[in-house]
Amino acid sequence: MHSARVIALCLAAIGLCPAQQPAPPAPGLPSDPRAILEAARPFYDFTSDQLKPWHLKVSYQMYDDKEHPTEQGTFEYWWASPEVYRSSWTRGAMSYSRWHLAERGSTHMGAGEALSFAESRLESALLSPLPSTQTADSDTVDLEKRTYGKAPNQFRCVMVGPKMKETNSAPVGLFPTYCFSLTQPALIGYVAYAAPTIEFSHIARTQNRYLPMQITILSPDRKKLLTASVNGVSGISVSDPALTPPTEAKIFYPPKKKAPAVSAEAPAAGASETDKTEDKLDYDATDNHMVIPSGVMQGKALKRPTPIYPDDAKRDRITGKVVIQAVIGTDGWIHDMRVLTTPSASLAASALGAVSQWQYLPYQLNGEPVEVETTVNVVYDIR
């Protein structure tokens, strides 16, 4: 019941309310959930070699935990080809730039404090907001269509969740949910339990792609973290000086060492610890963060509330493991999560609710805190 209330609040945050009756198929938007994503994907492909070199400039406002405005910043993006592009953030004394060059790979340079989680999510919200094709087409994933609201404010949503042994449908918003306008495959909202909500508005077109002119990022408890407005989009030359990093910029070398294998299980009441994690370190070039084995991050845990075994799962004797992919920010808190596998929706909600409260020592690379991705396994076992 508690998780259902929380999910309802998530949907309210982006103006979504359950439709009283199933909505008829909308002109211009497919009814099949996979077809909806495929229809939208070409309009959010900012990696195509068919694009002309371009520059994007965005102003953003950050907020404190009481939603009072704090610092302002600027995000810029230069793109010359799928192999050559640059992202840059500036805010007060903070600056950070990341170049990707065909011959050198990733290069970066920064000063001041690390990017906040909301700042780091601004780039993907603008340029790659949809689930990857690999995720959507996975044999372990179910896509479910939902329609919300009443005309004329009605939306069609696709929830991307794991396949489950339990046949009961999961509450909408428990897993990553992407909501679109009914008249065109334009993304207007993203919501997931215990993860940031993102609102997209004033959708414009550039090079036949959809670009939201305004974005709002909300915390998992629905507090405003960041608002952003696009200042302008312009064409550039492939030899634009902004695409050439200065000589003092650092080349990013993913670590080659191995970490000791440690048990990755986080037991709930009546749980057992059985599995071991693979012990290699890796780097996700798409999301620009380290991928760390869960055993390594388990050793950095400062706060780990124990998940509660849901009464309905106990009653129905549902057991098994919930596997969560989690992003840990430079502040040591978990900022984003996605359930990879789960025996049931109620166990997924239990695990997400607990893991969202975990805190870690920030992972450091070359003496600097970095955002990392790791896997958390929560095992439920009736003894």
Protein backbone atom coordinates (compact mmCIF):
# COMPACT_ATOMS: atom_id res chain seq x y z
CA MET A 1 0.00 0.00 0.00
CA HIS A 2 2.80 2.43 0.88
CA SER A 3 4.60 1.79 -2.42
CA ALA A 4 1.35 2.37 -4.34
CA ARG A 5 0.93 5.78 -2.66
CA VAL A 6 4.52 6.72 -3.47
CA ILE A 7 4.11 5.71 -7.11
CA ALA A 8 0.90 7.77 -7.33
CA LEU A 9 2.86 10.79 -6.12
CA CYS A 10 5.52 10.09 -8.75
CA LEU A 11 2.92 10.19 -11.48
CA ALA A 12 1.32 13.34 -10.07
CA ALA A 13 4.72 15.01 -10.28
CA ILE A 14 4.55 14.91 -14.06
CA GLY A 15 0.83 15.58 -14.25
CA LEU A 16 -0.26 12.00 -14.80
CA CYS A 17 -3.48 10.58 -13.40
CA PRO A 18 -4.95 7.15 -14.24
CA ALA A 19 -7.48 7.19 -17.06
CA GLN A 20 -10.97 6.11 -16.03
CA GLN A 21 -11.45 4.19 -19.27
CA PRO A 22 -8.95 2.67 -21.73
CA ALA A 23 -8.07 5.30 -24.33
CA PRO A 24 -8.49 4.59 -28.04
CA PRO A 25 -5.34 4.43 -30.17
CA ALA A 26 -4.11 7.91 -31.00
CA PRO A 27 -3.37 9.02 -34.56
CA GLY A 28 0.35 9.25 -35.12
CA LEU A 29 1.36 7.08 -32.14
CA PRO A 30 1.44 3.25 -32.22
CA SER A 31 -0.46 1.24 -29.63
CA ASP A 32 2.20 -1.45 -29.13
CA PRO A 33 4.73 -0.41 -26.43
CA ARG A 34 7.76 -1.61 -28.40
CA ALA A 35 6.50 0.19 -31.50
CA ILE A 36 6.12 3.39 -29.44
CA LEU A 37 9.79 3.30 -28.45
CA GLU A 38 10.87 2.46 -31.98
CA ALA A 39 8.80 5.32 -33.36
CA ALA A 40 10.42 7.73 -30.92
CA ARG A 41 14.00 6.49 -31.26
CA PRO A 42 14.90 8.20 -34.60
CA PHE A 43 13.81 11.53 -33.13
CA TYR A 44 16.27 11.16 -30.23
CA ASP A 45 19.24 9.83 -32.18
CA PHE A 46 21.88 12.50 -31.64
CA THR A 47 24.70 10.14 -32.64
CA SER A 48 23.79 9.67 -36.30
CA ASP A 49 26.43 10.49 -38.89
CA GLN A 50 23.61 12.16 -40.84
CA LEU A 51 23.62 15.11 -38.42
CA LYS A 52 25.36 18.34 -39.34
CA PRO A 53 27.92 19.65 -36.79
CA TRP A 54 26.10 21.64 -34.13
CA HIS A 55 26.39 23.45 -30.79
CA LEU A 56 23.89 23.50 -27.94
CA LYS A 57 23.87 25.99 -25.06
CA VAL A 58 21.69 25.52 -21.97
CA SER A 59 21.27 27.59 -18.79
CA TYR A 60 20.30 25.81 -15.60
CA GLN A 61 19.24 26.66 -12.06
CA MET A 62 20.01 24.46 -9.06
CA TYR A 63 17.99 24.21 -5.83
CA ASP A 64 18.65 23.28 -2.20
CA ASP A 65 16.74 20.67 -0.18
CA LYS A 66 14.00 23.25 0.52
CA GLU A 67 13.70 24.01 -3.19
CA HIS A 68 15.22 27.45 -2.81
CA PRO A 69 17.25 28.58 -5.87
CA THR A 70 20.99 28.36 -5.30
CA GLU A 71 23.64 28.48 -8.03
CA GLN A 72 23.17 28.94 -11.75
CA GLY A 73 25.20 27.20 -14.42
CA THR A 74 25.68 26.63 -18.13
CA PHE A 75 25.84 23.37 -20.05
CA GLU A 76 27.24 23.31 -23.60
CA TYR A 77 27.55 20.53 -26.13
CA TRP A 78 29.56 20.54 -29.35
CA TRP A 79 29.16 17.73 -31.90
CA ALA A 80 31.17 17.26 -35.08
CA SER A 81 30.70 13.52 -35.73
CA PRO A 82 29.87 10.30 -33.85
CA GLU A 83 33.58 10.14 -32.92
CA VAL A 84 34.19 13.82 -32.06
CA TYR A 85 32.13 15.75 -29.51
CA ARG A 86 32.45 17.70 -26.27
CA SER A 87 30.33 18.33 -23.16
CA SER A 88 31.03 21.22 -20.79
CA TRP A 89 29.56 22.48 -17.51
CA THR A 90 30.39 25.76 -15.74
CA ARG A 91 28.92 26.95 -12.43
CA GLY A 92 30.61 29.53 -10.20
CA ALA A 93 34.15 28.31 -9.51
CA MET A 94 33.29 24.86 -10.89
CA SER A 95 34.08 23.88 -14.45
CA TYR A 96 34.23 20.50 -16.13
CA SER A 97 34.72 19.51 -19.76
CA ARG A 98 34.84 16.13 -21.40
CA TRP A 99 36.04 15.58 -24.96
CA HIS A 100 35.70 12.47 -27.06
CA LEU A 101 38.15 12.28 -29.95
CA ALA A 102 38.41 9.55 -32.54
CA GLU A 103 42.13 9.08 -32.05
CA ARG A 104 42.38 9.65 -28.28
CA GLY A 105 39.15 8.46 -26.71
CA SER A 106 37.91 10.31 -23.62
CA THR A 107 39.77 13.35 -22.31
CA HIS A 108 38.66 15.55 -19.46
CA MET A 109 39.57 18.64 -17.46
CA GLY A 110 37.92 20.19 -14.43
CA ALA A 111 38.27 22.61 -11.56
CA GLY A 112 36.36 23.09 -8.33
CA GLU A 113 33.83 20.67 -6.91
CA ALA A 114 32.49 17.61 -8.70
CA LEU A 115 29.33 17.73 -10.79
CA SER A 116 26.15 17.15 -8.82
CA PHE A 117 23.99 14.18 -9.78
CA ALA A 118 21.36 16.43 -11.38
CA GLU A 119 24.02 18.22 -13.44
CA SER A 120 25.45 14.94 -14.66
CA ARG A 121 21.94 13.80 -15.69
CA LEU A 122 21.22 16.94 -17.70
CA GLU A 123 23.22 15.73 -20.70
CA SER A 124 21.44 12.37 -21.00
CA ALA A 125 18.04 14.00 -20.40
CA LEU A 126 18.64 16.28 -23.37
CA LEU A 127 20.44 13.95 -25.76
CA SER A 128 19.69 10.31 -24.86
CA PRO A 129 16.53 10.12 -22.70
CA LEU A 130 15.17 6.81 -24.04
CA PRO A 131 16.10 3.31 -22.87
CA SER A 132 18.82 1.80 -25.05
CA THR A 133 17.86 -0.63 -27.80
CA GLN A 134 19.87 -3.27 -25.96
CA THR A 135 17.74 -2.76 -22.84
CA ALA A 136 14.38 -2.60 -24.59
CA ASP A 137 15.08 -5.66 -26.76
CA SER A 138 16.51 -7.82 -23.99
CA ASP A 139 14.90 -11.21 -23.37
CA THR A 140 14.82 -10.35 -19.66
CA VAL A 141 12.66 -7.23 -20.14
CA ASP A 142 8.90 -6.75 -20.41
CA LEU A 143 7.42 -3.63 -22.01
CA GLU A 144 3.98 -2.61 -20.80
CA LYS A 145 1.78 0.12 -22.25
CA ARG A 146 -0.26 2.43 -20.01
CA THR A 147 -2.48 5.42 -20.82
CA TYR A 148 -3.04 8.23 -18.31
CA GLY A 149 -5.04 11.39 -17.92
CA LYS A 150 -8.13 12.71 -19.58
CA ALA A 151 -8.42 14.42 -22.95
CA PRO A 152 -6.93 16.78 -23.90
CA ASN A 153 -4.20 16.11 -21.29
CA GLN A 154 -3.65 12.44 -21.95
CA PHE A 155 -0.38 10.55 -22.26
CA ARG A 156 0.73 7.12 -23.43
CA CYS A 157 3.45 5.52 -21.32
CA VAL A 158 5.79 2.57 -21.69
CA MET A 159 7.01 0.87 -18.51
CA VAL A 160 10.30 -1.03 -18.94
CA GLY A 161 10.50 -3.73 -16.30
CA PRO A 162 12.02 -7.16 -15.73
CA LYS A 163 10.19 -10.37 -16.59
CA MET A 164 8.72 -11.82 -13.40
CA LYS A 165 7.55 -15.22 -12.23
CA GLU A 166 4.57 -13.48 -10.67
CA THR A 167 1.90 -12.80 -13.26
CA ASN A 168 0.23 -9.87 -11.47
CA SER A 169 0.94 -6.56 -13.17
CA ALA A 170 3.36 -4.23 -11.39
CA PRO A 171 2.09 -0.79 -10.31
CA VAL A 172 2.93 1.75 -12.98
CA GLY A 173 6.02 3.76 -12.10
CA LEU A 174 7.60 0.95 -10.08
CA PHE A 175 9.95 0.38 -13.02
CA PRO A 176 11.28 3.04 -15.44
CA THR A 177 8.29 4.59 -17.21
CA TYR A 178 8.51 6.80 -20.30
CA CYS A 179 5.46 8.93 -21.16
CA PHE A 180 4.74 10.42 -24.58
CA SER A 181 2.38 12.85 -26.20
CA LEU A 182 -0.52 11.07 -27.88
CA THR A 183 -0.12 12.99 -31.12
CA GLN A 184 3.61 12.44 -31.71
CA PRO A 185 6.39 10.24 -30.26
CA ALA A 186 7.73 13.13 -28.17
CA LEU A 187 8.83 12.29 -24.62
CA ILE A 188 7.15 14.46 -21.98
CA GLY A 189 8.03 12.65 -18.75
CA TYR A 190 10.13 9.94 -17.09
CA VAL A 191 9.38 8.43 -13.69
CA ALA A 192 10.62 5.43 -11.69
CA TYR A 193 10.28 4.42 -8.06
CA ALA A 194 13.06 5.80 -5.82
CA ALA A 195 14.68 7.53 -8.80
CA PRO A 196 14.63 11.07 -10.22
CA THR A 197 11.60 12.25 -12.17
CA ILE A 198 12.31 14.23 -15.34
CA GLU A 199 9.81 16.54 -17.03
CA PHE A 200 10.25 17.63 -20.66
CA SER A 201 8.36 20.60 -22.08
CA HIS A 202 8.27 23.03 -25.01
CA ILE A 203 9.45 20.34 -27.42
CA ALA A 204 11.17 21.79 -30.51
CA ARG A 205 12.83 20.22 -33.54
CA THR A 206 16.44 20.50 -34.61
CA GLN A 207 17.78 18.51 -37.55
CA ASN A 208 14.54 16.52 -37.43
CA ARG A 209 15.19 15.54 -33.79
CA TYR A 210 13.10 16.39 -30.73
CA LEU A 211 14.78 18.73 -28.28
CA PRO A 212 13.00 19.83 -25.06
CA MET A 213 13.51 23.54 -24.58
CA GLN A 214 12.82 23.17 -20.86
CA ILE A 215 13.69 20.35 -18.46
CA THR A 216 12.95 19.86 -14.76
CA ILE A 217 14.73 17.20 -12.70
CA LEU A 218 13.09 16.20 -9.41
CA SER A 219 14.55 14.15 -6.56
CA PRO A 220 13.06 10.75 -5.61
CA ASP A 221 11.00 12.56 -2.93
CA ARG A 222 9.76 14.94 -5.65
CA LYS A 223 11.76 18.02 -4.69
CA LYS A 224 13.07 20.25 -7.43
CA LEU A 225 16.79 19.67 -8.05
CA LEU A 226 17.42 21.46 -11.33
CA THR A 227 15.57 23.37 -14.02
CA ALA A 228 17.12 24.01 -17.43
CA SER A 229 16.29 26.12 -20.49
CA VAL A 230 17.85 25.86 -23.94
CA ASN A 231 19.37 29.21 -24.93
CA GLY A 232 20.21 28.31 -28.48
CA VAL A 233 21.21 25.78 -31.11
CA SER A 234 23.62 26.70 -33.90
CA GLY A 235 25.73 25.10 -36.59
CA ILE A 236 29.50 24.85 -36.22
CA SER A 237 32.54 23.89 -38.25
CA VAL A 238 34.11 20.46 -37.80
CA SER A 239 37.29 22.38 -36.92
CA ASP A 240 35.65 24.47 -34.20
CA PRO A 241 38.37 25.27 -31.59
CA ALA A 242 36.06 24.14 -28.78
CA LEU A 243 36.47 20.55 -30.00
CA THR A 244 40.22 20.58 -29.37
CA PRO A 245 41.19 19.93 -25.74
CA PRO A 246 44.03 21.96 -24.21
CA THR A 247 47.36 20.21 -23.69
CA GLU A 248 46.78 20.03 -19.92
CA ALA A 249 43.56 17.99 -20.32
CA LYS A 250 43.82 14.47 -18.93
CA ILE A 251 43.29 11.29 -20.89
CA PHE A 252 41.00 8.94 -19.00
CA TYR A 253 42.50 5.48 -18.54
CA PRO A 254 40.10 2.86 -17.15
CA PRO A 255 41.70 0.91 -14.29
CA LYS A 256 43.17 -2.49 -15.14
CA LYS A 257 43.58 -3.89 -11.63
CA LYS A 258 41.26 -6.45 -10.11
CA ALA A 259 39.43 -6.05 -6.84
CA PRO A 260 39.00 -8.94 -4.38
CA ALA A 261 35.82 -10.95 -4.78
CA VAL A 262 33.40 -10.23 -1.94
CA SER A 263 29.91 -11.53 -1.26
CA ALA A 264 27.44 -9.18 -2.91
CA GLU A 265 24.29 -10.23 -1.13
CA ALA A 266 22.26 -7.85 1.01
CA PRO A 267 19.98 -10.09 3.09
CA ALA A 268 16.43 -9.15 3.96
CA ALA A 269 14.65 -10.73 6.90
CA GLY A 270 15.01 -14.46 6.35
CA ALA A 271 17.52 -14.01 3.54
CA SER A 272 20.66 -15.92 2.81
CA GLU A 273 24.00 -14.85 1.34
CA THR A 274 25.15 -17.19 -1.40
CA ASP A 275 26.38 -15.51 -4.56
CA LYS A 276 29.76 -14.00 -5.31
CA THR A 277 30.43 -11.08 -7.63
CA GLU A 278 32.69 -11.01 -10.63
CA ASP A 279 35.74 -9.06 -9.55
CA LYS A 280 36.73 -6.87 -12.47
CA LEU A 281 36.52 -3.09 -12.75
CA ASP A 282 35.14 -1.59 -15.93
CA TYR A 283 34.19 1.74 -17.50
CA ASP A 284 30.91 2.58 -19.20
CA ALA A 285 31.84 4.99 -21.99
CA THR A 286 28.19 5.64 -22.82
CA ASP A 287 27.22 6.92 -19.37
CA ASN A 288 30.71 8.14 -18.46
CA HIS A 289 31.02 6.47 -15.11
CA MET A 290 32.89 3.60 -13.51
CA VAL A 291 31.26 0.17 -13.28
CA ILE A 292 32.24 -1.30 -9.92
CA PRO A 293 31.61 -4.87 -8.64
CA SER A 294 29.06 -4.88 -5.84
CA GLY A 295 31.51 -6.57 -3.48
CA VAL A 296 33.89 -3.62 -3.79
CA MET A 297 31.15 -1.10 -3.00
CA GLN A 298 29.79 -3.28 -0.19
CA GLY A 299 33.06 -2.66 1.63
CA LYS A 300 32.43 1.09 1.33
CA ALA A 301 28.93 0.98 2.79
CA LEU A 302 28.25 3.41 5.64
CA LYS A 303 24.50 2.96 6.02
CA ARG A 304 22.45 -0.04 4.88
CA PRO A 305 18.88 -0.33 6.24
CA THR A 306 17.69 -3.92 5.97
CA PRO A 307 14.91 -4.58 3.42
CA ILE A 308 11.60 -5.73 4.91
CA TYR A 309 10.09 -8.97 3.62
CA PRO A 310 6.59 -7.96 2.35
CA ASP A 311 3.67 -9.73 4.03
CA ASP A 312 2.05 -10.67 0.70
CA ALA A 313 5.28 -12.28 -0.52
CA LYS A 314 5.61 -14.23 2.73
CA ARG A 315 2.00 -15.33 2.53
CA ASP A 316 2.43 -16.54 -1.05
CA ARG A 317 5.87 -17.97 -0.21
CA ILE A 318 7.58 -15.95 -2.95
CA THR A 319 11.35 -16.20 -2.63
CA GLY A 320 14.36 -15.32 -4.71
CA LYS A 321 16.77 -12.52 -5.54
CA VAL A 322 16.16 -8.93 -6.58
CA VAL A 323 19.07 -7.66 -8.67
CA ILE A 324 19.34 -3.86 -8.84
CA GLN A 325 21.62 -1.78 -11.01
CA ALA A 326 22.42 1.33 -8.97
CA VAL A 327 24.23 4.60 -9.65
CA ILE A 328 26.15 5.97 -6.65
CA GLY A 329 26.90 9.67 -6.86
CA THR A 330 30.03 11.55 -5.87
CA ASP A 331 28.28 12.26 -2.54
CA GLY A 332 28.03 8.53 -1.73
CA TRP A 333 24.23 8.36 -2.01
CA ILE A 334 22.33 6.19 -4.48
CA HIS A 335 20.69 8.48 -7.02
CA ASP A 336 19.27 6.13 -9.62
CA MET A 337 18.25 2.47 -9.71
CA ARG A 338 16.88 -0.08 -12.14
CA VAL A 339 15.63 -3.56 -11.29
CA LEU A 340 17.29 -6.13 -13.56
CA THR A 341 15.57 -9.24 -12.18
CA THR A 342 12.97 -9.86 -9.50
CA PRO A 343 10.61 -12.71 -8.53
CA SER A 344 7.72 -10.26 -7.93
CA ALA A 345 6.70 -6.61 -7.93
CA SER A 346 6.32 -6.49 -4.15
CA LEU A 347 9.86 -7.80 -3.57
CA ALA A 348 11.16 -5.25 -6.10
CA ALA A 349 9.40 -2.41 -4.23
CA SER A 350 10.78 -3.65 -0.90
CA ALA A 351 14.34 -3.85 -2.22
CA LEU A 352 14.17 -0.46 -3.97
CA GLY A 353 12.76 1.22 -0.87
CA ALA A 354 15.59 -0.06 1.32
CA VAL A 355 18.47 0.34 -1.13
CA SER A 356 17.44 3.94 -1.89
CA GLN A 357 18.45 4.75 1.71
CA TRP A 358 21.92 3.19 1.54
CA GLN A 359 24.98 5.42 1.73
CA TYR A 360 28.61 4.74 0.77
CA LEU A 361 32.01 6.30 0.97
CA PRO A 362 32.40 8.01 -2.41
CA TYR A 363 34.47 6.00 -4.87
CA GLN A 364 37.64 7.84 -5.87
CA LEU A 365 39.68 7.66 -9.05
CA ASN A 366 43.04 9.43 -9.15
CA GLY A 367 42.12 11.16 -5.89
CA GLU A 368 38.80 12.51 -7.21
CA PRO A 369 35.28 11.31 -6.29
CA VAL A 370 33.53 9.80 -9.30
CA GLU A 371 30.04 8.56 -10.07
CA VAL A 372 29.91 4.77 -10.22
CA GLU A 373 27.51 2.07 -11.30
CA THR A 374 27.26 -1.14 -9.30
CA THR A 375 24.95 -4.09 -8.76
CA VAL A 376 23.09 -4.83 -5.54
CA ASN A 377 21.57 -8.24 -4.87
CA VAL A 378 18.82 -8.60 -2.23
CA VAL A 379 17.89 -12.20 -1.41
CA TYR A 380 14.51 -13.15 0.09
CA ASP A 381 14.23 -16.61 1.60
CA ILE A 382 11.53 -18.00 3.89
CA ARG A 383 13.18 -20.13 6.57
